[in-house]
Amino acid sequence: MTHLDLGDLGRIGVTLDVRADGGHLDDAAMLESLGYSTIWIAGGQLATLDPLRDVIRATEKIPVGSAIIPAWGYTPEDVIALHRSLDAPGRLITGLGGAHGDRPLHTMNAYLDTLDAADPPVPPGARMLSALGPRMLELSRDRAAGAIPLLVTPEYTAQARQILGAEATLAVMEYVVLESDPQLARNTVREPIGFLTGVGGYPQNLRRMGFTDEDITGTSDRLLDSLVAWGDIDTIAARVTSHLDAGADQVVLVVRPTDPNTVPHTEWRALAEALIR
């Protein structure tokens, strides 16, 4: 499948939280000016798909990705309508996932069939899948531009690259806490990661990576230390490099400030200065 051309844009993406006051649109413009290569918007925040269009309009050239549009929350027709409403459809990376239930592969294949049949279609080269297991990674390779896994280790990244092959795009999402105090750093992400470890295919994939049920249900320090880049800039840079060396095309920074009531402007600037060249 078509490889998304991320190489010319840089290898560091970043997630953006949607804010009720609309401040995320100014944040998007700032992230573009800092040199991040892609802005990704988390699907859990998407009460509608409008923020994807709004962020594209608030920026100039930067690609904007959905991470992810959940199949259980939005129909293929919703995604088709979004693409038709865009002034610059080529800037949207349609990240899809959330095909839960007994037959997730069947569900996602049917979803992609509808996108293919649209007029105009939502092209495979403009969509990525939130794949974790081997078969969903194969589907990402065969029917999309690649995969956007979350809660994974660099060792997983290397295995995913083997399955995807050289042509598919692999954008690894990485939680980041710019904090060297171990307990403060861990506690900053314990709640959101604890929630995710009970959703969809995450528990099974964590077991495949060697974590115990106790690690998963208790959101153990071992689990957090393996899945989260926390510490000083050099420590985080080393973690990002390990994913890139393992085969990631892009590392997407999911930056979490230690104060949940703040927007991580300071962290975004510091990380951009250290990681973007």
C-alpha atoms as a PDB file:
ATOM      1  CA  MET A   1       0.000   0.000   0.000  1.00  0.00           C
ATOM      2  CA  THR A   2       1.063   3.620  -0.495  1.00  0.00           C
ATOM      3  CA  HIS A   3       3.570   4.826   2.063  1.00  0.00           C
ATOM      4  CA  LEU A   4       2.717   8.174   3.608  1.00  0.00           C
ATOM      5  CA  ASP A   5       5.545  10.576   2.876  1.00  0.00           C
ATOM      6  CA  LEU A   6       6.521  11.619   6.388  1.00  0.00           C
ATOM      7  CA  GLY A   7      10.247  11.636   5.802  1.00  0.00           C
ATOM      8  CA  ASP A   8      10.411  15.078   4.205  1.00  0.00           C
ATOM      9  CA  LEU A   9       8.318  16.577   7.009  1.00  0.00           C
ATOM     10  CA  GLY A  10      10.283  15.263   9.966  1.00  0.00           C
ATOM     11  CA  ARG A  11       9.734  12.337  12.255  1.00  0.00           C
ATOM     12  CA  ILE A  12       8.096  13.926  15.283  1.00  0.00           C
ATOM     13  CA  GLY A  13       4.327  14.272  15.499  1.00  0.00           C
ATOM     14  CA  VAL A  14       2.280  15.473  18.452  1.00  0.00           C
ATOM     15  CA  THR A  15      -1.231  15.057  19.790  1.00  0.00           C
ATOM     16  CA  LEU A  16      -3.545  17.977  20.425  1.00  0.00           C
ATOM     17  CA  ASP A  17      -6.385  18.063  22.934  1.00  0.00           C
ATOM     18  CA  VAL A  18      -9.614  19.701  21.798  1.00  0.00           C
ATOM     19  CA  ARG A  19     -10.616  22.546  24.137  1.00  0.00           C
ATOM     20  CA  ALA A  20     -14.149  23.796  24.612  1.00  0.00           C
ATOM     21  CA  ASP A  21     -12.981  27.418  24.439  1.00  0.00           C
ATOM     22  CA  GLY A  22     -11.434  26.853  21.005  1.00  0.00           C
ATOM     23  CA  GLY A  23      -7.936  27.504  22.297  1.00  0.00           C
ATOM     24  CA  HIS A  24      -6.721  24.337  20.597  1.00  0.00           C
ATOM     25  CA  LEU A  25      -6.876  26.164  17.268  1.00  0.00           C
ATOM     26  CA  ASP A  26      -4.242  28.629  18.458  1.00  0.00           C
ATOM     27  CA  ASP A  27      -2.300  25.679  19.873  1.00  0.00           C
ATOM     28  CA  ALA A  28      -2.408  23.999  16.464  1.00  0.00           C
ATOM     29  CA  ALA A  29      -0.899  27.039  14.796  1.00  0.00           C
ATOM     30  CA  MET A  30       1.820  27.122  17.464  1.00  0.00           C
ATOM     31  CA  LEU A  31       2.647  23.433  16.995  1.00  0.00           C
ATOM     32  CA  GLU A  32       2.994  23.969  13.264  1.00  0.00           C
ATOM     33  CA  SER A  33       5.317  26.921  13.849  1.00  0.00           C
ATOM     34  CA  LEU A  34       7.458  24.792  16.188  1.00  0.00           C
ATOM     35  CA  GLY A  35       8.116  22.330  13.379  1.00  0.00           C
ATOM     36  CA  TYR A  36       6.126  19.273  14.398  1.00  0.00           C
ATOM     37  CA  SER A  37       5.415  17.145  11.359  1.00  0.00           C
ATOM     38  CA  THR A  38       1.835  16.066  12.074  1.00  0.00           C
ATOM     39  CA  ILE A  39      -0.895  17.051  14.511  1.00  0.00           C
ATOM     40  CA  TRP A  40      -2.983  14.122  15.765  1.00  0.00           C
ATOM     41  CA  ILE A  41      -6.325  14.564  17.511  1.00  0.00           C
ATOM     42  CA  ALA A  42      -7.472  11.837  19.894  1.00  0.00           C
ATOM     43  CA  GLY A  43     -10.743  10.189  18.942  1.00  0.00           C
ATOM     44  CA  GLY A  44     -12.018  10.047  22.487  1.00  0.00           C
ATOM     45  CA  GLN A  45     -12.414  13.821  22.365  1.00  0.00           C
ATOM     46  CA  LEU A  46     -14.375  13.871  19.136  1.00  0.00           C
ATOM     47  CA  ALA A  47     -18.005  14.553  19.967  1.00  0.00           C
ATOM     48  CA  THR A  48     -18.160  15.399  16.258  1.00  0.00           C
ATOM     49  CA  LEU A  49     -15.605  15.237  13.467  1.00  0.00           C
ATOM     50  CA  ASP A  50     -15.633  19.025  13.076  1.00  0.00           C
ATOM     51  CA  PRO A  51     -12.398  19.616  15.060  1.00  0.00           C
ATOM     52  CA  LEU A  52     -10.426  17.786  12.374  1.00  0.00           C
ATOM     53  CA  ARG A  53     -11.680  20.199   9.735  1.00  0.00           C
ATOM     54  CA  ASP A  54     -11.242  23.177  12.061  1.00  0.00           C
ATOM     55  CA  VAL A  55      -7.596  22.366  12.841  1.00  0.00           C
ATOM     56  CA  ILE A  56      -6.821  21.996   9.142  1.00  0.00           C
ATOM     57  CA  ARG A  57      -8.320  25.434   8.525  1.00  0.00           C
ATOM     58  CA  ALA A  58      -6.417  26.930  11.488  1.00  0.00           C
ATOM     59  CA  THR A  59      -3.055  25.799  10.089  1.00  0.00           C
ATOM     60  CA  GLU A  60      -1.268  26.217   6.773  1.00  0.00           C
ATOM     61  CA  LYS A  61       0.383  23.020   5.573  1.00  0.00           C
ATOM     62  CA  ILE A  62       0.764  20.529   8.410  1.00  0.00           C
ATOM     63  CA  PRO A  63      -1.023  17.189   8.019  1.00  0.00           C
ATOM     64  CA  VAL A  64      -3.741  16.532  10.591  1.00  0.00           C
ATOM     65  CA  GLY A  65      -4.546  13.003  11.706  1.00  0.00           C
ATOM     66  CA  SER A  66      -7.335  11.399  13.679  1.00  0.00           C
ATOM     67  CA  ALA A  67      -6.089   9.060  16.367  1.00  0.00           C
ATOM     68  CA  ILE A  68      -8.552   7.616  16.003  1.00  0.00           C
ATOM     69  CA  ILE A  69     -12.022   7.895  14.483  1.00  0.00           C
ATOM     70  CA  PRO A  70     -13.702   4.959  16.266  1.00  0.00           C
ATOM     71  CA  ALA A  71     -15.718   2.612  14.089  1.00  0.00           C
ATOM     72  CA  TRP A  72     -18.195   2.134  16.921  1.00  0.00           C
ATOM     73  CA  GLY A  73     -18.871   5.883  17.088  1.00  0.00           C
ATOM     74  CA  TYR A  74     -18.846   7.006  13.453  1.00  0.00           C
ATOM     75  CA  THR A  75     -20.103   5.378  10.295  1.00  0.00           C
ATOM     76  CA  PRO A  76     -18.109   5.244   7.056  1.00  0.00           C
ATOM     77  CA  GLU A  77     -20.626   7.739   5.692  1.00  0.00           C
ATOM     78  CA  ASP A  78     -19.576  10.191   8.435  1.00  0.00           C
ATOM     79  CA  VAL A  79     -15.943   9.864   7.327  1.00  0.00           C
ATOM     80  CA  ILE A  80     -16.892  10.263   3.661  1.00  0.00           C
ATOM     81  CA  ALA A  81     -18.868  13.422   4.493  1.00  0.00           C
ATOM     82  CA  LEU A  82     -15.887  14.824   6.403  1.00  0.00           C
ATOM     83  CA  HIS A  83     -13.597  14.340   3.405  1.00  0.00           C
ATOM     84  CA  ARG A  84     -16.108  15.998   1.091  1.00  0.00           C
ATOM     85  CA  SER A  85     -16.289  19.031   3.400  1.00  0.00           C
ATOM     86  CA  LEU A  86     -12.553  19.689   3.421  1.00  0.00           C
ATOM     87  CA  ASP A  87     -10.935  22.492   1.460  1.00  0.00           C
ATOM     88  CA  ALA A  88      -7.639  20.540   1.567  1.00  0.00           C
ATOM     89  CA  PRO A  89      -8.517  16.826   1.795  1.00  0.00           C
ATOM     90  CA  GLY A  90      -4.921  15.840   1.095  1.00  0.00           C
ATOM     91  CA  ARG A  91      -3.899  17.104   4.528  1.00  0.00           C
ATOM     92  CA  LEU A  92      -6.126  14.722   6.499  1.00  0.00           C
ATOM     93  CA  ILE A  93      -4.720  11.387   7.646  1.00  0.00           C
ATOM     94  CA  THR A  94      -7.782   9.318   8.470  1.00  0.00           C
ATOM     95  CA  GLY A  95      -6.829   7.222  11.465  1.00  0.00           C
ATOM     96  CA  LEU A  96      -9.408   4.508  12.067  1.00  0.00           C
ATOM     97  CA  GLY A  97      -9.902   1.968  14.841  1.00  0.00           C
ATOM     98  CA  GLY A  98     -12.272   0.877  17.541  1.00  0.00           C
ATOM     99  CA  ALA A  99     -13.562  -2.158  15.645  1.00  0.00           C
ATOM    100  CA  HIS A 100     -14.365  -4.062  18.803  1.00  0.00           C
ATOM    101  CA  GLY A 101     -16.556  -7.107  19.250  1.00  0.00           C
ATOM    102  CA  ASP A 102     -16.356 -10.726  18.122  1.00  0.00           C
ATOM    103  CA  ARG A 103     -15.157 -10.045  14.566  1.00  0.00           C
ATOM    104  CA  PRO A 104     -13.028  -6.867  14.524  1.00  0.00           C
ATOM    105  CA  LEU A 105     -11.285  -7.754  11.246  1.00  0.00           C
ATOM    106  CA  HIS A 106     -14.608  -8.350   9.526  1.00  0.00           C
ATOM    107  CA  THR A 107     -15.946  -5.072  10.929  1.00  0.00           C
ATOM    108  CA  MET A 108     -12.944  -3.068   9.763  1.00  0.00           C
ATOM    109  CA  ASN A 109     -12.863  -4.709   6.337  1.00  0.00           C
ATOM    110  CA  ALA A 110     -16.516  -3.819   5.793  1.00  0.00           C
ATOM    111  CA  TYR A 111     -15.831  -0.249   6.938  1.00  0.00           C
ATOM    112  CA  LEU A 112     -12.959   0.072   4.469  1.00  0.00           C
ATOM    113  CA  ASP A 113     -15.093  -1.420   1.690  1.00  0.00           C
ATOM    114  CA  THR A 114     -17.539   1.457   2.092  1.00  0.00           C
ATOM    115  CA  LEU A 115     -14.733   4.042   2.033  1.00  0.00           C
ATOM    116  CA  ASP A 116     -13.394   2.444  -1.159  1.00  0.00           C
ATOM    117  CA  ALA A 117     -16.825   2.560  -2.808  1.00  0.00           C
ATOM    118  CA  ALA A 118     -17.419   6.267  -2.121  1.00  0.00           C
ATOM    119  CA  ASP A 119     -17.394   8.822  -4.923  1.00  0.00           C
ATOM    120  CA  PRO A 120     -14.727  10.050  -4.565  1.00  0.00           C
ATOM    121  CA  PRO A 121     -13.264   7.310  -2.368  1.00  0.00           C
ATOM    122  CA  VAL A 122     -11.364   7.894   0.864  1.00  0.00           C
ATOM    123  CA  PRO A 123      -8.093   6.569  -0.553  1.00  0.00           C
ATOM    124  CA  PRO A 124      -6.119   3.819   1.188  1.00  0.00           C
ATOM    125  CA  GLY A 125      -3.003   6.001   1.067  1.00  0.00           C
ATOM    126  CA  ALA A 126      -4.707   8.606   3.249  1.00  0.00           C
ATOM    127  CA  ARG A 127      -5.864   6.282   6.001  1.00  0.00           C
ATOM    128  CA  MET A 128      -4.141   4.416   8.829  1.00  0.00           C
ATOM    129  CA  LEU A 129      -5.371   1.854  11.326  1.00  0.00           C
ATOM    130  CA  SER A 130      -4.983   1.691  15.074  1.00  0.00           C
ATOM    131  CA  ALA A 131      -3.527  -1.788  14.792  1.00  0.00           C
ATOM    132  CA  LEU A 132      -1.971  -3.845  17.572  1.00  0.00           C
ATOM    133  CA  GLY A 133      -2.225  -7.563  16.802  1.00  0.00           C
ATOM    134  CA  PRO A 134      -0.552  -9.280  13.845  1.00  0.00           C
ATOM    135  CA  ARG A 135      -3.693  -9.668  11.740  1.00  0.00           C
ATOM    136  CA  MET A 136      -4.749  -6.038  12.146  1.00  0.00           C
ATOM    137  CA  LEU A 137      -1.209  -4.972  11.274  1.00  0.00           C
ATOM    138  CA  GLU A 138      -1.479  -7.044   8.106  1.00  0.00           C
ATOM    139  CA  LEU A 139      -4.763  -5.309   7.306  1.00  0.00           C
ATOM    140  CA  SER A 140      -3.043  -1.947   7.883  1.00  0.00           C
ATOM    141  CA  ARG A 141      -0.388  -2.992   5.398  1.00  0.00           C
ATOM    142  CA  ASP A 142      -2.807  -4.303   2.786  1.00  0.00           C
ATOM    143  CA  ARG A 143      -5.706  -1.838   2.952  1.00  0.00           C
ATOM    144  CA  ALA A 144      -4.270   1.352   4.437  1.00  0.00           C
ATOM    145  CA  ALA A 145      -1.058   3.351   4.479  1.00  0.00           C
ATOM    146  CA  GLY A 146       0.032   1.786   7.747  1.00  0.00           C
ATOM    147  CA  ALA A 147      -0.517   1.641  11.491  1.00  0.00           C
ATOM    148  CA  ILE A 148      -0.691   3.989  14.495  1.00  0.00           C
ATOM    149  CA  PRO A 149      -0.203   1.797  17.594  1.00  0.00           C
ATOM    150  CA  LEU A 150      -0.388   3.122  21.157  1.00  0.00           C
ATOM    151  CA  LEU A 151       0.958   1.670  24.433  1.00  0.00           C
ATOM    152  CA  VAL A 152       3.828  -0.220  22.869  1.00  0.00           C
ATOM    153  CA  THR A 153       7.531  -0.736  23.490  1.00  0.00           C
ATOM    154  CA  PRO A 154      10.422  -0.309  21.034  1.00  0.00           C
ATOM    155  CA  GLU A 155      10.609  -4.120  20.883  1.00  0.00           C
ATOM    156  CA  TYR A 156       7.006  -4.151  19.684  1.00  0.00           C
ATOM    157  CA  THR A 157       7.872  -1.469  17.122  1.00  0.00           C
ATOM    158  CA  ALA A 158      10.527  -3.745  15.633  1.00  0.00           C
ATOM    159  CA  GLN A 159       8.053  -6.641  15.414  1.00  0.00           C
ATOM    160  CA  ALA A 160       5.390  -4.414  13.854  1.00  0.00           C
ATOM    161  CA  ARG A 161       7.848  -3.234  11.230  1.00  0.00           C
ATOM    162  CA  GLN A 162       8.573  -6.838  10.260  1.00  0.00           C
ATOM    163  CA  ILE A 163       4.863  -7.486   9.717  1.00  0.00           C
ATOM    164  CA  LEU A 164       4.204  -4.205   7.913  1.00  0.00           C
ATOM    165  CA  GLY A 165       7.199  -4.516   5.625  1.00  0.00           C
ATOM    166  CA  ALA A 166       9.287  -1.667   4.356  1.00  0.00           C
ATOM    167  CA  GLU A 167       6.599   0.258   2.469  1.00  0.00           C
ATOM    168  CA  ALA A 168       3.881   0.840   5.079  1.00  0.00           C
ATOM    169  CA  THR A 169       4.009   3.816   7.419  1.00  0.00           C
ATOM    170  CA  LEU A 170       4.422   3.156  11.143  1.00  0.00           C
ATOM    171  CA  ALA A 171       3.596   6.075  13.431  1.00  0.00           C
ATOM    172  CA  VAL A 172       4.100   5.035  17.059  1.00  0.00           C
ATOM    173  CA  MET A 173       2.232   7.020  19.697  1.00  0.00           C
ATOM    174  CA  GLU A 174       4.285   7.584  22.857  1.00  0.00           C
ATOM    175  CA  TYR A 175       3.106   9.033  26.157  1.00  0.00           C
ATOM    176  CA  VAL A 176       5.596  11.663  27.367  1.00  0.00           C
ATOM    177  CA  VAL A 177       5.979  13.237  30.808  1.00  0.00           C
ATOM    178  CA  LEU A 178       8.782  15.790  31.083  1.00  0.00           C
ATOM    179  CA  GLU A 179       9.379  15.087  34.771  1.00  0.00           C
ATOM    180  CA  SER A 180      12.236  13.309  36.557  1.00  0.00           C
ATOM    181  CA  ASP A 181      10.456  12.529  39.814  1.00  0.00           C
ATOM    182  CA  PRO A 182       9.389   8.872  39.357  1.00  0.00           C
ATOM    183  CA  GLN A 183       6.156   8.926  41.343  1.00  0.00           C
ATOM    184  CA  LEU A 184       4.989  12.270  39.998  1.00  0.00           C
ATOM    185  CA  ALA A 185       5.732  11.173  36.431  1.00  0.00           C
ATOM    186  CA  ARG A 186       3.969   7.833  36.848  1.00  0.00           C
ATOM    187  CA  ASN A 187       0.960   9.306  38.614  1.00  0.00           C
ATOM    188  CA  THR A 188       0.548  11.829  35.795  1.00  0.00           C
ATOM    189  CA  VAL A 189      -0.333   9.049  33.352  1.00  0.00           C
ATOM    190  CA  ARG A 190      -1.547   6.247  35.610  1.00  0.00           C
ATOM    191  CA  GLU A 191      -5.228   7.124  35.201  1.00  0.00           C
ATOM    192  CA  PRO A 192      -5.409   7.495  31.397  1.00  0.00           C
ATOM    193  CA  ILE A 193      -3.243   4.432  30.811  1.00  0.00           C
ATOM    194  CA  GLY A 194      -5.178   2.481  33.422  1.00  0.00           C
ATOM    195  CA  PHE A 195      -8.347   3.233  31.476  1.00  0.00           C
ATOM    196  CA  LEU A 196      -6.856   2.182  28.138  1.00  0.00           C
ATOM    197  CA  THR A 197      -5.517  -1.119  29.480  1.00  0.00           C
ATOM    198  CA  GLY A 198      -9.099  -2.297  29.843  1.00  0.00           C
ATOM    199  CA  VAL A 199     -10.233  -1.279  26.354  1.00  0.00           C
ATOM    200  CA  GLY A 200     -10.440  -3.343  23.173  1.00  0.00           C
ATOM    201  CA  GLY A 201      -7.276  -5.159  22.152  1.00  0.00           C
ATOM    202  CA  TYR A 202      -4.925  -3.404  24.577  1.00  0.00           C
ATOM    203  CA  PRO A 203      -4.942  -6.083  27.324  1.00  0.00           C
ATOM    204  CA  GLN A 204      -4.205  -8.882  24.868  1.00  0.00           C
ATOM    205  CA  ASN A 205      -1.411  -6.926  23.226  1.00  0.00           C
ATOM    206  CA  LEU A 206       0.141  -6.069  26.578  1.00  0.00           C
ATOM    207  CA  ARG A 207       0.177  -9.782  27.421  1.00  0.00           C
ATOM    208  CA  ARG A 208       1.860 -10.466  24.088  1.00  0.00           C
ATOM    209  CA  MET A 209       4.542  -7.982  25.101  1.00  0.00           C
ATOM    210  CA  GLY A 210       5.177  -9.884  28.318  1.00  0.00           C
ATOM    211  CA  PHE A 211       3.155  -8.004  30.911  1.00  0.00           C
ATOM    212  CA  THR A 212       1.243  -9.948  33.539  1.00  0.00           C
ATOM    213  CA  ASP A 213      -2.429  -9.610  34.379  1.00  0.00           C
ATOM    214  CA  GLU A 214      -1.315  -8.011  37.641  1.00  0.00           C
ATOM    215  CA  ASP A 215       0.707  -5.420  35.703  1.00  0.00           C
ATOM    216  CA  ILE A 216      -2.279  -4.673  33.493  1.00  0.00           C
ATOM    217  CA  THR A 217      -5.099  -4.548  36.042  1.00  0.00           C
ATOM    218  CA  GLY A 218      -2.988  -2.685  38.588  1.00  0.00           C
ATOM    219  CA  THR A 219      -1.310  -0.314  36.111  1.00  0.00           C
ATOM    220  CA  SER A 220       1.981  -1.264  37.716  1.00  0.00           C
ATOM    221  CA  ASP A 221       5.103   0.884  37.839  1.00  0.00           C
ATOM    222  CA  ARG A 222       6.768  -1.714  35.615  1.00  0.00           C
ATOM    223  CA  LEU A 223       4.053  -1.267  33.016  1.00  0.00           C
ATOM    224  CA  LEU A 224       4.258   2.524  33.120  1.00  0.00           C
ATOM    225  CA  ASP A 225       8.053   2.584  32.999  1.00  0.00           C
ATOM    226  CA  SER A 226       7.951   0.357  29.900  1.00  0.00           C
ATOM    227  CA  LEU A 227       5.258   2.289  28.056  1.00  0.00           C
ATOM    228  CA  VAL A 228       5.915   5.922  28.974  1.00  0.00           C
ATOM    229  CA  ALA A 229       8.820   8.211  28.146  1.00  0.00           C
ATOM    230  CA  TRP A 230       9.333  10.126  31.386  1.00  0.00           C
ATOM    231  CA  GLY A 231      12.334  11.980  32.734  1.00  0.00           C
ATOM    232  CA  ASP A 232      14.540  14.750  31.390  1.00  0.00           C
ATOM    233  CA  ILE A 233      14.882  15.764  27.767  1.00  0.00           C
ATOM    234  CA  ASP A 234      17.812  13.431  27.125  1.00  0.00           C
ATOM    235  CA  THR A 235      15.902  10.425  28.501  1.00  0.00           C
ATOM    236  CA  ILE A 236      12.876  11.191  26.354  1.00  0.00           C
ATOM    237  CA  ALA A 237      15.048  11.768  23.291  1.00  0.00           C
ATOM    238  CA  ALA A 238      16.652   8.358  23.820  1.00  0.00           C
ATOM    239  CA  ARG A 239      13.236   6.699  23.962  1.00  0.00           C
ATOM    240  CA  VAL A 240      12.130   8.432  20.763  1.00  0.00           C
ATOM    241  CA  THR A 241      15.343   7.357  19.049  1.00  0.00           C
ATOM    242  CA  SER A 242      14.807   3.755  20.155  1.00  0.00           C
ATOM    243  CA  HIS A 243      11.427   3.675  18.383  1.00  0.00           C
ATOM    244  CA  LEU A 244      12.873   5.256  15.249  1.00  0.00           C
ATOM    245  CA  ASP A 245      15.799   2.834  15.245  1.00  0.00           C
ATOM    246  CA  ALA A 246      13.342  -0.052  15.635  1.00  0.00           C
ATOM    247  CA  GLY A 247      11.509   0.951  12.462  1.00  0.00           C
ATOM    248  CA  ALA A 248       9.035   3.719  13.281  1.00  0.00           C
ATOM    249  CA  ASP A 249       8.647   6.369  10.602  1.00  0.00           C
ATOM    250  CA  GLN A 250       7.251   8.810  13.108  1.00  0.00           C
ATOM    251  CA  VAL A 251       6.948   9.024  16.888  1.00  0.00           C
ATOM    252  CA  VAL A 252       3.828  10.879  17.996  1.00  0.00           C
ATOM    253  CA  LEU A 253       4.316  12.610  21.345  1.00  0.00           C
ATOM    254  CA  VAL A 254       1.313  12.338  23.660  1.00  0.00           C
ATOM    255  CA  VAL A 255       2.539  15.003  26.083  1.00  0.00           C
ATOM    256  CA  ARG A 256       0.993  15.065  29.543  1.00  0.00           C
ATOM    257  CA  PRO A 257       1.833  17.911  31.945  1.00  0.00           C
ATOM    258  CA  THR A 258       2.085  17.088  35.634  1.00  0.00           C
ATOM    259  CA  ASP A 259      -0.614  19.695  36.303  1.00  0.00           C
ATOM    260  CA  PRO A 260      -3.725  18.390  34.524  1.00  0.00           C
ATOM    261  CA  ASN A 261      -5.240  21.870  34.474  1.00  0.00           C
ATOM    262  CA  THR A 262      -2.555  23.278  32.189  1.00  0.00           C
ATOM    263  CA  VAL A 263      -1.826  23.043  28.469  1.00  0.00           C
ATOM    264  CA  PRO A 264       1.725  21.748  27.841  1.00  0.00           C
ATOM    265  CA  HIS A 265       3.026  24.778  25.956  1.00  0.00           C
ATOM    266  CA  THR A 266       6.349  24.729  27.821  1.00  0.00           C
ATOM    267  CA  GLU A 267       6.815  21.006  27.204  1.00  0.00           C
ATOM    268  CA  TRP A 268       5.923  21.291  23.514  1.00  0.00           C
ATOM    269  CA  ARG A 269       8.526  24.008  23.039  1.00  0.00           C
ATOM    270  CA  ALA A 270      11.257  22.167  24.939  1.00  0.00           C
ATOM    271  CA  LEU A 271      10.615  18.908  23.092  1.00  0.00           C
ATOM    272  CA  ALA A 272      10.535  20.622  19.726  1.00  0.00           C
ATOM    273  CA  GLU A 273      13.858  22.320  20.408  1.00  0.00           C
ATOM    274  CA  ALA A 274      15.446  19.011  21.420  1.00  0.00           C
ATOM    275  CA  LEU A 275      13.910  16.607  18.927  1.00  0.00           C
ATOM    276  CA  ILE A 276      13.164  18.490  15.720  1.00  0.00           C
ATOM    277  CA  ARG A 277      16.042  19.260  13.397  1.00  0.00           C
END
